[in-house]
Amino acid sequence: MVLDVGDNGRGFTVESGAVRSPHTVRGHGLPAIRARVHQLGGTLTIESAPGEGTVLSAEIPLAPTALTAPEAPA
């Protein structure tokens, strides 16, 4: 299953840390979303640029897979 979600908000750069750190001040839940998709055996792609909005694409297998432990914070 593929789920694409996008917005036309302010966007961000990967260097801002919004994707990597679960403790961002801005309150992005992207690390939590990535961890949950990973637990389901899927992948999450994030495309964003300042002033251009953000598009998330989650690809999750429909067949059951072994659950994996969430990634430790960096």
N, C-alpha and C. Protein backbone atom coordinates (compact mmCIF):
# COMPACT_ATOMS: atom_id res chain seq x y z
N MET A 1 0.85 -1.15 0.00
CA MET A 1 0.00 0.00 0.00
C MET A 1 0.91 1.23 0.00
N VAL A 2 0.54 2.23 -0.78
CA VAL A 2 1.28 3.49 -0.80
C VAL A 2 0.32 4.60 -0.39
N LEU A 3 0.76 5.41 0.55
CA LEU A 3 -0.02 6.54 1.02
C LEU A 3 0.82 7.80 0.84
N ASP A 4 0.32 8.72 0.03
CA ASP A 4 1.00 9.99 -0.19
C ASP A 4 0.19 11.10 0.46
N VAL A 5 0.87 11.94 1.23
CA VAL A 5 0.23 13.07 1.89
C VAL A 5 1.10 14.29 1.64
N GLY A 6 0.48 15.39 1.24
CA GLY A 6 1.25 16.60 0.97
C GLY A 6 0.54 17.84 1.47
N ASP A 7 1.30 18.89 1.60
CA ASP A 7 0.73 20.18 1.97
C ASP A 7 1.45 21.29 1.23
N ASN A 8 0.93 22.47 1.33
CA ASN A 8 1.57 23.62 0.70
C ASN A 8 2.07 24.60 1.76
N GLY A 9 2.48 24.03 2.90
CA GLY A 9 2.98 24.84 4.01
C GLY A 9 4.36 25.41 3.76
N ARG A 10 5.00 25.80 4.83
CA ARG A 10 6.29 26.50 4.70
C ARG A 10 7.45 25.58 4.36
N GLY A 11 7.29 24.26 4.52
CA GLY A 11 8.36 23.33 4.20
C GLY A 11 9.54 23.45 5.14
N PHE A 12 10.57 22.66 4.89
CA PHE A 12 11.78 22.67 5.72
C PHE A 12 12.91 22.02 4.95
N THR A 13 14.10 22.13 5.48
CA THR A 13 15.25 21.42 4.91
C THR A 13 15.57 20.24 5.81
N VAL A 14 16.12 19.20 5.24
CA VAL A 14 16.52 18.04 6.03
C VAL A 14 17.55 18.45 7.07
N GLU A 15 18.40 19.42 6.72
CA GLU A 15 19.43 19.89 7.64
C GLU A 15 18.85 20.51 8.91
N SER A 16 17.58 20.89 8.88
CA SER A 16 16.96 21.50 10.06
C SER A 16 16.81 20.49 11.20
N GLY A 17 16.97 19.20 10.89
CA GLY A 17 16.86 18.18 11.93
C GLY A 17 15.44 17.71 12.17
N ALA A 18 14.47 18.24 11.46
CA ALA A 18 13.07 17.89 11.69
C ALA A 18 12.80 16.42 11.41
N VAL A 19 13.57 15.81 10.54
CA VAL A 19 13.34 14.42 10.19
C VAL A 19 14.09 13.48 11.13
N ARG A 20 15.25 13.89 11.60
CA ARG A 20 16.11 12.99 12.37
C ARG A 20 15.83 12.98 13.86
N SER A 21 15.54 14.10 14.44
CA SER A 21 15.47 14.20 15.89
C SER A 21 14.04 14.09 16.41
N PRO A 22 13.78 13.16 17.33
CA PRO A 22 12.44 13.07 17.90
C PRO A 22 12.17 14.17 18.92
N HIS A 23 13.15 15.01 19.21
CA HIS A 23 12.99 16.04 20.24
C HIS A 23 13.07 17.44 19.65
N THR A 24 12.54 17.63 18.46
CA THR A 24 12.62 18.94 17.83
C THR A 24 11.69 19.92 18.54
N VAL A 25 12.10 21.14 18.59
CA VAL A 25 11.32 22.18 19.25
C VAL A 25 10.06 22.49 18.46
N ARG A 26 10.13 22.39 17.15
CA ARG A 26 8.98 22.73 16.31
C ARG A 26 7.83 21.75 16.44
N GLY A 27 8.05 20.58 17.00
CA GLY A 27 6.98 19.63 17.21
C GLY A 27 6.67 18.74 16.02
N HIS A 28 7.60 18.62 15.07
CA HIS A 28 7.38 17.71 13.95
C HIS A 28 7.27 16.29 14.48
N GLY A 29 6.27 15.56 14.05
CA GLY A 29 6.13 14.16 14.42
C GLY A 29 6.74 13.23 13.39
N LEU A 30 7.59 13.76 12.50
CA LEU A 30 8.15 12.95 11.43
C LEU A 30 8.99 11.79 11.92
N PRO A 31 9.83 11.95 12.94
CA PRO A 31 10.58 10.78 13.43
C PRO A 31 9.65 9.68 13.94
N ALA A 32 8.56 10.06 14.60
CA ALA A 32 7.61 9.06 15.10
C ALA A 32 6.90 8.37 13.95
N ILE A 33 6.55 9.12 12.91
CA ILE A 33 5.91 8.52 11.74
C ILE A 33 6.86 7.55 11.06
N ARG A 34 8.11 7.98 10.88
CA ARG A 34 9.11 7.10 10.25
C ARG A 34 9.29 5.82 11.06
N ALA A 35 9.35 5.92 12.38
CA ALA A 35 9.51 4.74 13.22
C ALA A 35 8.31 3.80 13.09
N ARG A 36 7.11 4.35 13.06
CA ARG A 36 5.91 3.51 12.95
C ARG A 36 5.86 2.81 11.59
N VAL A 37 6.16 3.51 10.52
CA VAL A 37 6.17 2.91 9.19
C VAL A 37 7.23 1.80 9.15
N HIS A 38 8.40 2.05 9.74
CA HIS A 38 9.46 1.05 9.79
C HIS A 38 9.00 -0.19 10.57
N GLN A 39 8.29 0.02 11.68
CA GLN A 39 7.78 -1.10 12.47
C GLN A 39 6.84 -1.97 11.65
N LEU A 40 6.13 -1.37 10.72
CA LEU A 40 5.20 -2.10 9.87
C LEU A 40 5.88 -2.71 8.64
N GLY A 41 7.21 -2.60 8.58
CA GLY A 41 7.97 -3.18 7.48
C GLY A 41 8.00 -2.31 6.24
N GLY A 42 7.68 -1.04 6.39
CA GLY A 42 7.62 -0.14 5.24
C GLY A 42 8.73 0.87 5.20
N THR A 43 8.60 1.78 4.25
CA THR A 43 9.56 2.87 4.09
C THR A 43 8.81 4.19 4.00
N LEU A 44 9.46 5.25 4.42
CA LEU A 44 8.89 6.58 4.37
C LEU A 44 9.84 7.48 3.60
N THR A 45 9.31 8.15 2.59
CA THR A 45 10.07 9.12 1.82
C THR A 45 9.52 10.50 2.12
N ILE A 46 10.41 11.45 2.38
CA ILE A 46 9.99 12.81 2.70
C ILE A 46 10.66 13.76 1.72
N GLU A 47 9.84 14.55 1.05
CA GLU A 47 10.36 15.58 0.15
C GLU A 47 9.83 16.92 0.63
N SER A 48 10.73 17.87 0.86
CA SER A 48 10.33 19.18 1.34
C SER A 48 11.37 20.21 0.97
N ALA A 49 10.92 21.43 0.84
CA ALA A 49 11.82 22.56 0.59
C ALA A 49 11.18 23.80 1.18
N PRO A 50 11.97 24.68 1.75
CA PRO A 50 11.41 25.90 2.32
C PRO A 50 10.55 26.65 1.31
N GLY A 51 9.34 27.00 1.73
CA GLY A 51 8.42 27.73 0.89
C GLY A 51 7.68 26.88 -0.13
N GLU A 52 7.97 25.58 -0.18
CA GLU A 52 7.37 24.70 -1.19
C GLU A 52 6.45 23.65 -0.61
N GLY A 53 6.34 23.54 0.70
CA GLY A 53 5.51 22.49 1.29
C GLY A 53 6.26 21.19 1.45
N THR A 54 5.51 20.14 1.80
CA THR A 54 6.10 18.85 2.11
C THR A 54 5.23 17.74 1.53
N VAL A 55 5.86 16.67 1.05
CA VAL A 55 5.15 15.48 0.60
C VAL A 55 5.75 14.28 1.31
N LEU A 56 4.90 13.51 1.99
CA LEU A 56 5.31 12.26 2.63
C LEU A 56 4.75 11.12 1.81
N SER A 57 5.55 10.10 1.58
CA SER A 57 5.11 8.91 0.87
C SER A 57 5.48 7.70 1.72
N ALA A 58 4.45 7.03 2.24
CA ALA A 58 4.66 5.83 3.06
C ALA A 58 4.30 4.61 2.22
N GLU A 59 5.23 3.69 2.11
CA GLU A 59 4.97 2.43 1.40
C GLU A 59 5.02 1.32 2.44
N ILE A 60 3.87 0.67 2.64
CA ILE A 60 3.73 -0.34 3.68
C ILE A 60 3.22 -1.63 3.04
N PRO A 61 3.88 -2.76 3.29
CA PRO A 61 3.42 -4.02 2.70
C PRO A 61 2.07 -4.43 3.30
N LEU A 62 1.20 -4.99 2.45
CA LEU A 62 -0.09 -5.46 2.93
C LEU A 62 0.03 -6.81 3.60
N ALA A 63 1.01 -7.62 3.19
CA ALA A 63 1.21 -8.92 3.81
C ALA A 63 1.87 -8.72 5.17
N PRO A 64 1.49 -9.52 6.16
CA PRO A 64 2.11 -9.38 7.48
C PRO A 64 3.61 -9.61 7.42
N THR A 65 4.35 -8.82 8.18
CA THR A 65 5.79 -8.99 8.31
C THR A 65 6.13 -9.00 9.79
N ALA A 66 7.31 -9.48 10.11
CA ALA A 66 7.75 -9.46 11.50
C ALA A 66 7.93 -8.02 11.94
N LEU A 67 7.42 -7.69 13.10
CA LEU A 67 7.58 -6.34 13.62
C LEU A 67 9.03 -6.13 14.02
N THR A 68 9.51 -4.93 13.81
CA THR A 68 10.87 -4.60 14.18
C THR A 68 10.84 -3.57 15.29
N ALA A 69 11.89 -3.55 16.07
CA ALA A 69 12.00 -2.57 17.15
C ALA A 69 12.20 -1.19 16.55
N PRO A 70 11.65 -0.15 17.20
CA PRO A 70 11.86 1.21 16.69
C PRO A 70 13.33 1.58 16.75
N GLU A 71 13.74 2.45 15.84
CA GLU A 71 15.12 2.91 15.81
C GLU A 71 15.40 3.79 17.02
N ALA A 72 16.59 3.65 17.57
CA ALA A 72 16.98 4.49 18.70
C ALA A 72 17.22 5.92 18.22
N PRO A 73 16.87 6.91 19.04
CA PRO A 73 17.13 8.30 18.64
C PRO A 73 18.62 8.54 18.42
N ALA A 74 18.92 9.39 17.46
CA ALA A 74 20.33 9.69 17.15
C ALA A 74 20.90 10.68 18.13
